[in-house]
């Protein structure tokens, strides 16, 4: 989990970080899906993963996938969220896209994450 420091910032235990990083290493699971499930920013999780990879030897972390297996992997793999969403959680799903000087921010109701995923899949499809 996370705790709040004196400055009001969240910090996460080493066990939480390790669990999140290991979840990202499961074949076919997206980093964004893990971040959403863990309720952390995807960029923060990406930084943790890169840091872990830099600290460990490349042979023990990087798993190579044969080209034939990579080609047969679907582009979108839904991830089951193991923790049920709370009804009183009214924070929206927030998606920020930046390209050059253009920025798009989409906020989607947390009550309907499947529709958000479908919309994003159509947009990127």
N, C-alpha and C. Protein backbone atom coordinates (compact mmCIF):
# COMPACT_ATOMS: atom_id res chain seq x y z
N UNK A 1 0.83 -1.18 0.00
CA UNK A 1 0.00 0.00 0.00
C UNK A 1 0.88 1.25 0.00
N UNK A 2 0.26 2.37 0.37
CA UNK A 2 1.01 3.61 0.41
C UNK A 2 0.75 4.32 1.72
N UNK A 3 1.65 5.22 2.03
CA UNK A 3 1.51 6.07 3.21
C UNK A 3 1.68 7.51 2.75
N UNK A 4 1.32 8.43 3.61
CA UNK A 4 1.44 9.85 3.30
C UNK A 4 2.54 10.43 4.19
N UNK A 5 3.48 11.17 3.57
CA UNK A 5 4.54 11.80 4.36
C UNK A 5 4.08 13.15 4.89
N UNK A 6 4.95 13.84 5.59
CA UNK A 6 4.60 15.12 6.21
C UNK A 6 4.23 16.18 5.18
N UNK A 7 4.78 16.09 3.99
CA UNK A 7 4.48 17.06 2.94
C UNK A 7 3.19 16.72 2.19
N UNK A 8 2.54 15.62 2.57
CA UNK A 8 1.29 15.23 1.93
C UNK A 8 1.46 14.38 0.69
N UNK A 9 2.68 13.93 0.43
CA UNK A 9 2.94 13.09 -0.75
C UNK A 9 2.80 11.62 -0.38
N UNK A 10 2.32 10.84 -1.36
CA UNK A 10 2.22 9.39 -1.13
C UNK A 10 3.57 8.75 -1.35
N UNK A 11 3.88 7.74 -0.58
CA UNK A 11 5.06 6.92 -0.83
C UNK A 11 4.65 5.47 -0.67
N UNK A 12 5.30 4.59 -1.39
CA UNK A 12 4.91 3.19 -1.47
C UNK A 12 6.02 2.31 -0.90
N UNK A 13 5.61 1.24 -0.24
CA UNK A 13 6.58 0.32 0.37
C UNK A 13 7.33 -0.44 -0.73
N UNK A 14 8.47 -1.00 -0.35
CA UNK A 14 9.25 -1.79 -1.30
C UNK A 14 8.47 -3.01 -1.76
N UNK A 15 7.69 -3.61 -0.85
CA UNK A 15 6.90 -4.78 -1.22
C UNK A 15 5.83 -4.41 -2.25
N UNK A 16 5.19 -3.26 -2.08
CA UNK A 16 4.18 -2.80 -3.04
C UNK A 16 4.82 -2.59 -4.40
N UNK A 17 5.97 -1.92 -4.43
CA UNK A 17 6.67 -1.66 -5.69
C UNK A 17 7.07 -2.97 -6.36
N UNK A 18 7.63 -3.90 -5.57
CA UNK A 18 8.07 -5.19 -6.11
C UNK A 18 6.88 -5.94 -6.71
N UNK A 19 5.74 -5.94 -6.00
CA UNK A 19 4.54 -6.62 -6.50
C UNK A 19 4.06 -6.00 -7.80
N UNK A 20 4.07 -4.68 -7.88
CA UNK A 20 3.63 -3.99 -9.09
C UNK A 20 4.57 -4.29 -10.26
N UNK A 21 5.86 -4.27 -10.00
CA UNK A 21 6.85 -4.55 -11.05
C UNK A 21 6.70 -5.98 -11.56
N UNK A 22 6.53 -6.92 -10.64
CA UNK A 22 6.35 -8.32 -11.05
C UNK A 22 5.07 -8.51 -11.85
N UNK A 23 4.02 -7.78 -11.51
CA UNK A 23 2.77 -7.88 -12.27
C UNK A 23 2.96 -7.41 -13.70
N UNK A 24 3.85 -6.45 -13.91
CA UNK A 24 4.12 -5.94 -15.26
C UNK A 24 4.88 -6.94 -16.11
N UNK A 25 5.55 -7.88 -15.48
CA UNK A 25 6.36 -8.86 -16.21
C UNK A 25 5.57 -10.05 -16.70
N UNK A 26 4.29 -10.15 -16.32
CA UNK A 26 3.47 -11.25 -16.79
C UNK A 26 3.23 -11.05 -18.29
N UNK A 27 3.51 -12.06 -19.11
CA UNK A 27 3.34 -11.90 -20.55
C UNK A 27 1.92 -11.49 -20.92
N UNK A 28 1.81 -10.48 -21.76
CA UNK A 28 0.52 -10.03 -22.25
C UNK A 28 -0.20 -9.02 -21.38
N UNK A 29 0.35 -8.69 -20.23
CA UNK A 29 -0.30 -7.72 -19.33
C UNK A 29 0.31 -6.35 -19.58
N UNK A 30 -0.56 -5.37 -19.74
CA UNK A 30 -0.05 -4.02 -20.02
C UNK A 30 0.30 -3.30 -18.73
N UNK A 31 1.30 -2.46 -18.81
CA UNK A 31 1.73 -1.67 -17.68
C UNK A 31 0.60 -0.74 -17.24
N UNK A 32 -0.12 -0.18 -18.18
CA UNK A 32 -1.22 0.73 -17.86
C UNK A 32 -2.32 0.01 -17.07
N UNK A 33 -2.61 -1.23 -17.43
CA UNK A 33 -3.64 -1.99 -16.71
C UNK A 33 -3.21 -2.26 -15.27
N UNK A 34 -1.93 -2.60 -15.10
CA UNK A 34 -1.42 -2.83 -13.74
C UNK A 34 -1.49 -1.54 -12.94
N UNK A 35 -1.11 -0.43 -13.54
CA UNK A 35 -1.16 0.86 -12.84
C UNK A 35 -2.59 1.19 -12.44
N UNK A 36 -3.54 0.94 -13.31
CA UNK A 36 -4.94 1.22 -13.01
C UNK A 36 -5.41 0.36 -11.85
N UNK A 37 -5.04 -0.92 -11.88
CA UNK A 37 -5.45 -1.83 -10.81
C UNK A 37 -4.83 -1.41 -9.47
N UNK A 38 -3.58 -0.99 -9.50
CA UNK A 38 -2.88 -0.60 -8.27
C UNK A 38 -3.18 0.83 -7.84
N UNK A 39 -3.93 1.55 -8.70
CA UNK A 39 -4.29 2.96 -8.45
C UNK A 39 -3.06 3.86 -8.30
N UNK A 40 -2.14 3.67 -9.25
CA UNK A 40 -0.97 4.54 -9.31
C UNK A 40 -0.83 5.05 -10.74
N UNK A 41 -0.05 6.08 -10.91
CA UNK A 41 0.18 6.67 -12.22
C UNK A 41 1.04 5.72 -13.06
N UNK A 42 0.66 5.52 -14.31
CA UNK A 42 1.40 4.61 -15.20
C UNK A 42 2.84 5.08 -15.41
N UNK A 43 3.07 6.39 -15.46
CA UNK A 43 4.44 6.89 -15.63
C UNK A 43 5.30 6.57 -14.42
N UNK A 44 4.72 6.62 -13.22
CA UNK A 44 5.45 6.26 -12.02
C UNK A 44 5.82 4.78 -12.06
N UNK A 45 4.86 3.94 -12.43
CA UNK A 45 5.14 2.51 -12.52
C UNK A 45 6.20 2.22 -13.58
N UNK A 46 6.14 2.91 -14.71
CA UNK A 46 7.14 2.73 -15.76
C UNK A 46 8.54 3.07 -15.23
N UNK A 47 8.62 4.14 -14.42
CA UNK A 47 9.90 4.54 -13.83
C UNK A 47 10.41 3.45 -12.88
N UNK A 48 9.51 2.85 -12.09
CA UNK A 48 9.91 1.77 -11.19
C UNK A 48 10.43 0.57 -11.98
N UNK A 49 9.75 0.23 -13.07
CA UNK A 49 10.15 -0.91 -13.89
C UNK A 49 11.53 -0.66 -14.51
N UNK A 50 11.73 0.54 -15.07
CA UNK A 50 13.02 0.87 -15.67
C UNK A 50 14.14 0.84 -14.62
N UNK A 51 13.85 1.35 -13.45
CA UNK A 51 14.84 1.36 -12.38
C UNK A 51 15.21 -0.06 -11.97
N UNK A 52 14.21 -0.92 -11.86
CA UNK A 52 14.45 -2.32 -11.49
C UNK A 52 15.27 -3.03 -12.55
N UNK A 53 14.98 -2.73 -13.81
CA UNK A 53 15.73 -3.35 -14.90
C UNK A 53 17.18 -2.88 -14.91
N UNK A 54 17.39 -1.61 -14.58
CA UNK A 54 18.76 -1.08 -14.55
C UNK A 54 19.57 -1.70 -13.43
N UNK A 55 18.93 -2.00 -12.31
CA UNK A 55 19.63 -2.56 -11.15
C UNK A 55 19.96 -4.03 -11.32
N UNK A 56 19.11 -4.75 -12.01
CA UNK A 56 19.32 -6.19 -12.17
C UNK A 56 20.04 -6.48 -13.49
N UNK A 57 20.57 -7.66 -13.59
CA UNK A 57 21.25 -8.02 -14.84
C UNK A 57 20.22 -8.25 -15.93
N UNK A 58 20.56 -7.94 -17.14
CA UNK A 58 19.63 -8.05 -18.26
C UNK A 58 19.15 -9.49 -18.44
N UNK A 59 19.99 -10.44 -18.17
CA UNK A 59 19.63 -11.84 -18.37
C UNK A 59 18.55 -12.29 -17.39
N UNK A 60 18.54 -11.74 -16.19
CA UNK A 60 17.55 -12.20 -15.21
C UNK A 60 16.23 -11.48 -15.32
N UNK A 61 16.18 -10.34 -16.00
CA UNK A 61 14.93 -9.59 -16.07
C UNK A 61 14.28 -9.67 -17.43
N UNK A 62 15.05 -9.45 -18.47
CA UNK A 62 14.48 -9.36 -19.81
C UNK A 62 14.19 -10.76 -20.34
N UNK A 63 12.93 -10.99 -20.71
CA UNK A 63 12.55 -12.26 -21.30
C UNK A 63 12.32 -12.01 -22.78
N UNK A 64 13.06 -12.74 -23.61
CA UNK A 64 12.89 -12.54 -25.04
C UNK A 64 11.72 -13.38 -25.53
N UNK A 65 10.97 -12.84 -26.46
CA UNK A 65 9.81 -13.52 -27.02
C UNK A 65 10.12 -13.77 -28.49
N UNK A 66 9.97 -15.01 -28.96
CA UNK A 66 10.20 -15.28 -30.38
C UNK A 66 9.28 -14.42 -31.23
N UNK A 67 9.75 -14.04 -32.41
CA UNK A 67 9.00 -13.15 -33.29
C UNK A 67 7.63 -13.75 -33.64
N UNK A 68 7.56 -15.06 -33.85
CA UNK A 68 6.28 -15.70 -34.20
C UNK A 68 5.29 -15.57 -33.05
N UNK A 69 5.75 -15.71 -31.82
CA UNK A 69 4.87 -15.59 -30.66
C UNK A 69 4.41 -14.15 -30.48
N UNK A 70 5.31 -13.21 -30.71
CA UNK A 70 4.96 -11.80 -30.57
C UNK A 70 3.93 -11.39 -31.62
N UNK A 71 4.05 -11.93 -32.83
CA UNK A 71 3.12 -11.58 -33.90
C UNK A 71 1.73 -12.14 -33.63
N UNK A 72 1.64 -13.28 -32.91
CA UNK A 72 0.34 -13.88 -32.65
C UNK A 72 -0.33 -13.32 -31.40
N UNK A 73 0.36 -12.49 -30.64
CA UNK A 73 -0.20 -11.90 -29.44
C UNK A 73 -1.16 -10.79 -29.83
N UNK A 74 -2.39 -10.81 -29.28
CA UNK A 74 -3.33 -9.73 -29.61
C UNK A 74 -2.82 -8.38 -29.11
N UNK A 75 -3.25 -7.29 -29.78
CA UNK A 75 -2.78 -5.96 -29.41
C UNK A 75 -3.38 -5.48 -28.11
N UNK A 76 -4.59 -5.91 -27.79
CA UNK A 76 -5.24 -5.49 -26.55
C UNK A 76 -5.62 -6.73 -25.76
N UNK A 77 -5.17 -6.79 -24.53
CA UNK A 77 -5.49 -7.91 -23.67
C UNK A 77 -6.17 -7.35 -22.43
N UNK A 78 -7.45 -7.67 -22.22
CA UNK A 78 -8.12 -7.15 -21.03
C UNK A 78 -7.54 -7.79 -19.77
N UNK A 79 -7.49 -7.03 -18.71
CA UNK A 79 -6.96 -7.51 -17.44
C UNK A 79 -8.08 -7.48 -16.42
N UNK A 80 -8.27 -8.57 -15.72
CA UNK A 80 -9.30 -8.62 -14.70
C UNK A 80 -8.80 -7.88 -13.46
N UNK A 81 -9.60 -6.95 -12.97
CA UNK A 81 -9.26 -6.21 -11.77
C UNK A 81 -9.68 -7.06 -10.59
N UNK A 82 -8.72 -7.40 -9.74
CA UNK A 82 -8.99 -8.31 -8.63
C UNK A 82 -9.69 -7.63 -7.47
N UNK A 83 -9.56 -6.33 -7.36
CA UNK A 83 -10.16 -5.59 -6.26
C UNK A 83 -11.42 -4.92 -6.78
N UNK A 84 -12.60 -5.18 -6.16
CA UNK A 84 -13.81 -4.53 -6.66
C UNK A 84 -13.75 -3.02 -6.45
N UNK A 85 -14.36 -2.30 -7.37
CA UNK A 85 -14.41 -0.85 -7.24
C UNK A 85 -15.42 -0.46 -6.18
N UNK A 86 -15.08 0.54 -5.39
CA UNK A 86 -15.99 1.02 -4.37
C UNK A 86 -17.02 1.94 -5.00
N UNK A 87 -18.25 1.82 -4.59
CA UNK A 87 -19.31 2.67 -5.12
C UNK A 87 -19.11 4.13 -4.73
N UNK A 88 -18.48 4.37 -3.56
CA UNK A 88 -18.30 5.73 -3.11
C UNK A 88 -17.07 6.39 -3.71
N UNK A 89 -16.35 5.66 -4.55
CA UNK A 89 -15.17 6.21 -5.20
C UNK A 89 -15.60 6.99 -6.43
N UNK A 90 -15.69 8.31 -6.31
CA UNK A 90 -16.19 9.12 -7.41
C UNK A 90 -15.09 9.77 -8.24
N UNK A 91 -13.83 9.37 -7.98
CA UNK A 91 -12.75 9.90 -8.80
C UNK A 91 -12.88 9.36 -10.22
N UNK A 92 -12.69 10.20 -11.23
CA UNK A 92 -12.81 9.72 -12.61
C UNK A 92 -11.53 9.02 -13.06
N UNK A 93 -11.67 8.23 -14.11
CA UNK A 93 -10.50 7.71 -14.82
C UNK A 93 -9.97 8.88 -15.62
N UNK A 94 -8.69 9.19 -15.51
CA UNK A 94 -8.13 10.36 -16.19
C UNK A 94 -7.08 9.88 -17.18
N UNK A 95 -7.25 10.27 -18.43
CA UNK A 95 -6.32 9.91 -19.49
C UNK A 95 -5.78 11.20 -20.08
N UNK A 96 -4.46 11.36 -20.06
CA UNK A 96 -3.82 12.54 -20.63
C UNK A 96 -2.96 12.11 -21.81
N UNK A 97 -3.17 12.78 -22.94
CA UNK A 97 -2.39 12.50 -24.14
C UNK A 97 -1.73 13.80 -24.56
N UNK A 98 -0.42 13.74 -24.75
CA UNK A 98 0.33 14.91 -25.22
C UNK A 98 1.07 14.55 -26.49
N UNK A 99 0.97 15.44 -27.47
CA UNK A 99 1.73 15.28 -28.71
C UNK A 99 2.14 16.68 -29.13
N UNK A 100 3.42 16.97 -29.00
CA UNK A 100 3.91 18.32 -29.28
C UNK A 100 3.31 19.30 -28.31
N UNK A 101 2.72 20.36 -28.82
CA UNK A 101 2.10 21.36 -27.95
C UNK A 101 0.62 21.07 -27.71
N UNK A 102 0.10 19.99 -28.28
CA UNK A 102 -1.30 19.65 -28.11
C UNK A 102 -1.46 18.70 -26.92
N UNK A 103 -2.45 18.99 -26.10
CA UNK A 103 -2.74 18.14 -24.95
C UNK A 103 -4.24 17.86 -24.92
N UNK A 104 -4.57 16.58 -24.74
CA UNK A 104 -5.96 16.16 -24.62
C UNK A 104 -6.11 15.49 -23.26
N UNK A 105 -7.13 15.89 -22.51
CA UNK A 105 -7.42 15.27 -21.22
C UNK A 105 -8.84 14.74 -21.27
N UNK A 106 -8.98 13.45 -20.97
CA UNK A 106 -10.29 12.81 -20.94
C UNK A 106 -10.52 12.30 -19.53
N UNK A 107 -11.67 12.64 -18.97
CA UNK A 107 -12.06 12.11 -17.67
C UNK A 107 -13.31 11.27 -17.87
N UNK A 108 -13.24 10.03 -17.40
CA UNK A 108 -14.32 9.08 -17.60
C UNK A 108 -14.83 8.64 -16.23
N UNK A 109 -16.15 8.47 -16.07
CA UNK A 109 -16.67 8.04 -14.77
C UNK A 109 -16.10 6.69 -14.34
N UNK A 110 -15.64 6.59 -13.11
CA UNK A 110 -15.07 5.35 -12.59
C UNK A 110 -16.12 4.23 -12.58
N UNK A 111 -17.38 4.60 -12.58
CA UNK A 111 -18.44 3.60 -12.52
C UNK A 111 -18.53 2.77 -13.80
N UNK A 112 -17.91 3.21 -14.89
CA UNK A 112 -18.02 2.49 -16.14
C UNK A 112 -16.66 2.32 -16.83
N UNK A 113 -15.72 1.57 -16.21
CA UNK A 113 -14.39 1.42 -16.81
C UNK A 113 -14.41 0.60 -18.10
N UNK A 114 -15.38 -0.31 -18.26
CA UNK A 114 -15.43 -1.12 -19.48
C UNK A 114 -15.73 -0.24 -20.70
N UNK A 115 -16.60 0.74 -20.53
CA UNK A 115 -16.91 1.64 -21.64
C UNK A 115 -15.70 2.50 -21.98
N UNK A 116 -14.95 2.90 -20.96
CA UNK A 116 -13.72 3.67 -21.18
C UNK A 116 -12.71 2.84 -21.97
N UNK A 117 -12.56 1.58 -21.58
CA UNK A 117 -11.62 0.70 -22.29
C UNK A 117 -12.05 0.49 -23.73
N UNK A 118 -13.36 0.34 -23.96
CA UNK A 118 -13.86 0.14 -25.32
C UNK A 118 -13.62 1.41 -26.16
N UNK A 119 -13.88 2.57 -25.57
CA UNK A 119 -13.66 3.83 -26.28
C UNK A 119 -12.19 3.99 -26.63
N UNK A 120 -11.31 3.70 -25.69
CA UNK A 120 -9.87 3.84 -25.92
C UNK A 120 -9.40 2.84 -26.98
N UNK A 121 -9.94 1.63 -26.93
CA UNK A 121 -9.60 0.62 -27.93
C UNK A 121 -10.02 1.09 -29.33
N UNK A 122 -11.24 1.65 -29.45
CA UNK A 122 -11.70 2.18 -30.74
C UNK A 122 -10.85 3.34 -31.21
N UNK A 123 -10.47 4.21 -30.29
CA UNK A 123 -9.66 5.36 -30.62
C UNK A 123 -8.28 4.95 -31.15
N UNK A 124 -7.68 3.97 -30.50
CA UNK A 124 -6.33 3.54 -30.87
C UNK A 124 -6.33 2.50 -31.97
N UNK A 125 -7.48 1.86 -32.19
CA UNK A 125 -7.62 0.75 -33.12
C UNK A 125 -7.29 1.08 -34.49
